[in-house]
Amino acid sequence: MDEYNVKPENGSFEDLDEETLFVVSQTFKALGDPTRIRILHLLFRHEYSVNQIAENLHLRQSTVSHQLRFLKNLRLVKNRREGTTLYYSCDDEHVMNLLKQTIDHAYHS
């Protein structure tokens, strides 16, 4: 229980600091958008370029770029450059596991 900020001696809950609250809320905001979920789900399996993501998900390149920028700012995805092409992959195993568990839960329901 200590990992969830509960003091064992009196059982009271420690409030979360503002930065933690912001990061958590932004992470759930990222997972609350169907397009971002589709992108993360695709990247869970393999790295892809913007064009490959757009083709696989039948989205406009500008839409994919916009969503990847949002996800990269939250450090949920990372990129590597090969020539003039950027390849994106997952950068946060915790969030990807949360997404996978949520998808599994949806299939189970």
Protein backbone atom coordinates (compact mmCIF):
# COMPACT_ATOMS: atom_id res chain seq x y z
CA MET A 1 0.00 0.00 0.00
CA ASP A 2 2.91 2.40 0.53
CA GLU A 3 3.34 2.73 -3.21
CA TYR A 4 -0.06 4.45 -3.38
CA ASN A 5 0.82 7.14 -0.81
CA VAL A 6 -1.05 5.62 2.12
CA LYS A 7 0.57 6.10 5.51
CA PRO A 8 0.35 2.76 7.31
CA GLU A 9 0.51 4.32 10.80
CA ASN A 10 -2.75 6.27 10.49
CA GLY A 11 -4.17 5.14 7.15
CA SER A 12 -4.48 8.69 5.82
CA PHE A 13 -3.98 9.39 2.13
CA GLU A 14 -1.22 11.79 1.08
CA ASP A 15 -2.36 14.30 -1.52
CA LEU A 16 -0.66 14.18 -4.92
CA ASP A 17 1.54 17.07 -5.97
CA GLU A 18 0.48 19.26 -8.89
CA GLU A 19 3.05 17.86 -11.34
CA THR A 20 1.97 14.27 -10.68
CA LEU A 21 -1.70 15.20 -11.06
CA PHE A 22 -0.94 16.92 -14.37
CA VAL A 23 1.04 13.97 -15.77
CA VAL A 24 -1.62 11.45 -14.72
CA SER A 25 -4.46 13.53 -16.17
CA GLN A 26 -2.58 14.08 -19.44
CA THR A 27 -1.85 10.36 -19.70
CA PHE A 28 -5.52 9.51 -19.31
CA LYS A 29 -6.36 12.28 -21.78
CA ALA A 30 -4.02 10.60 -24.27
CA LEU A 31 -5.74 7.26 -23.69
CA GLY A 32 -9.16 8.89 -23.96
CA ASP A 33 -8.86 9.62 -27.67
CA PRO A 34 -9.75 6.81 -30.14
CA THR A 35 -7.16 7.91 -32.71
CA ARG A 36 -4.35 7.96 -30.16
CA ILE A 37 -5.45 4.55 -28.86
CA ARG A 38 -5.29 3.15 -32.40
CA ILE A 39 -1.81 4.62 -32.92
CA LEU A 40 -0.48 3.30 -29.60
CA HIS A 41 -2.03 -0.10 -30.25
CA LEU A 42 -0.28 -0.25 -33.63
CA LEU A 43 3.05 0.87 -32.15
CA PHE A 44 2.75 -1.72 -29.39
CA ARG A 45 3.69 -4.36 -31.96
CA HIS A 46 6.28 -2.62 -34.14
CA GLU A 47 7.84 0.72 -35.01
CA TYR A 48 6.38 2.62 -37.95
CA SER A 49 6.93 5.83 -39.88
CA VAL A 50 4.22 8.49 -40.03
CA ASN A 51 3.30 7.35 -43.56
CA GLN A 52 3.10 3.70 -42.50
CA ILE A 53 0.86 4.58 -39.54
CA ALA A 54 -1.37 6.68 -41.80
CA GLU A 55 -1.65 3.84 -44.33
CA ASN A 56 -2.29 1.13 -41.74
CA LEU A 57 -4.95 3.14 -39.89
CA HIS A 58 -6.44 4.90 -42.95
CA LEU A 59 -5.73 8.34 -41.52
CA ARG A 60 -4.34 11.53 -43.03
CA GLN A 61 -0.63 12.07 -42.51
CA SER A 62 -1.32 15.44 -40.85
CA THR A 63 -3.64 13.77 -38.33
CA VAL A 64 -1.03 11.15 -37.48
CA SER A 65 1.71 13.78 -37.13
CA HIS A 66 -0.45 15.88 -34.83
CA GLN A 67 -1.29 12.90 -32.59
CA LEU A 68 2.32 11.66 -32.51
CA ARG A 69 3.48 15.12 -31.41
CA PHE A 70 0.99 14.99 -28.51
CA LEU A 71 2.11 11.46 -27.56
CA LYS A 72 5.80 12.35 -27.85
CA ASN A 73 5.38 15.39 -25.59
CA LEU A 74 4.01 13.00 -22.94
CA ARG A 75 6.93 10.62 -23.58
CA LEU A 76 4.54 7.84 -24.56
CA VAL A 77 6.27 7.41 -27.93
CA LYS A 78 9.79 8.05 -29.14
CA ASN A 79 11.30 8.37 -32.58
CA ARG A 80 14.49 7.57 -34.40
CA ARG A 81 15.68 9.05 -37.66
CA GLU A 82 16.77 6.97 -40.62
CA GLY A 83 17.73 9.32 -43.42
CA THR A 84 14.79 11.69 -43.81
CA THR A 85 12.27 9.30 -42.24
CA LEU A 86 11.26 9.27 -38.58
CA TYR A 87 10.22 5.92 -37.11
CA TYR A 88 8.04 5.90 -34.01
CA SER A 89 7.80 3.31 -31.27
CA CYS A 90 6.44 3.03 -27.73
CA ASP A 91 8.41 4.77 -25.00
CA ASP A 92 6.45 3.92 -21.84
CA GLU A 93 5.93 0.28 -20.98
CA HIS A 94 3.70 1.16 -18.00
CA VAL A 95 1.19 3.03 -20.13
CA MET A 96 1.30 0.38 -22.84
CA ASN A 97 0.54 -2.30 -20.24
CA LEU A 98 -2.36 -0.18 -18.98
CA LEU A 99 -3.66 0.13 -22.54
CA LYS A 100 -3.28 -3.62 -23.14
CA GLN A 101 -5.11 -4.44 -19.89
CA THR A 102 -7.90 -2.02 -20.79
CA ILE A 103 -8.26 -3.59 -24.25
CA ASP A 104 -8.28 -7.07 -22.66
CA HIS A 105 -10.95 -5.83 -20.25
CA ALA A 106 -13.07 -4.55 -23.14
CA TYR A 107 -12.84 -7.94 -24.89
CA HIS A 108 -13.74 -9.68 -21.64
CA SER A 109 -16.87 -7.60 -21.03
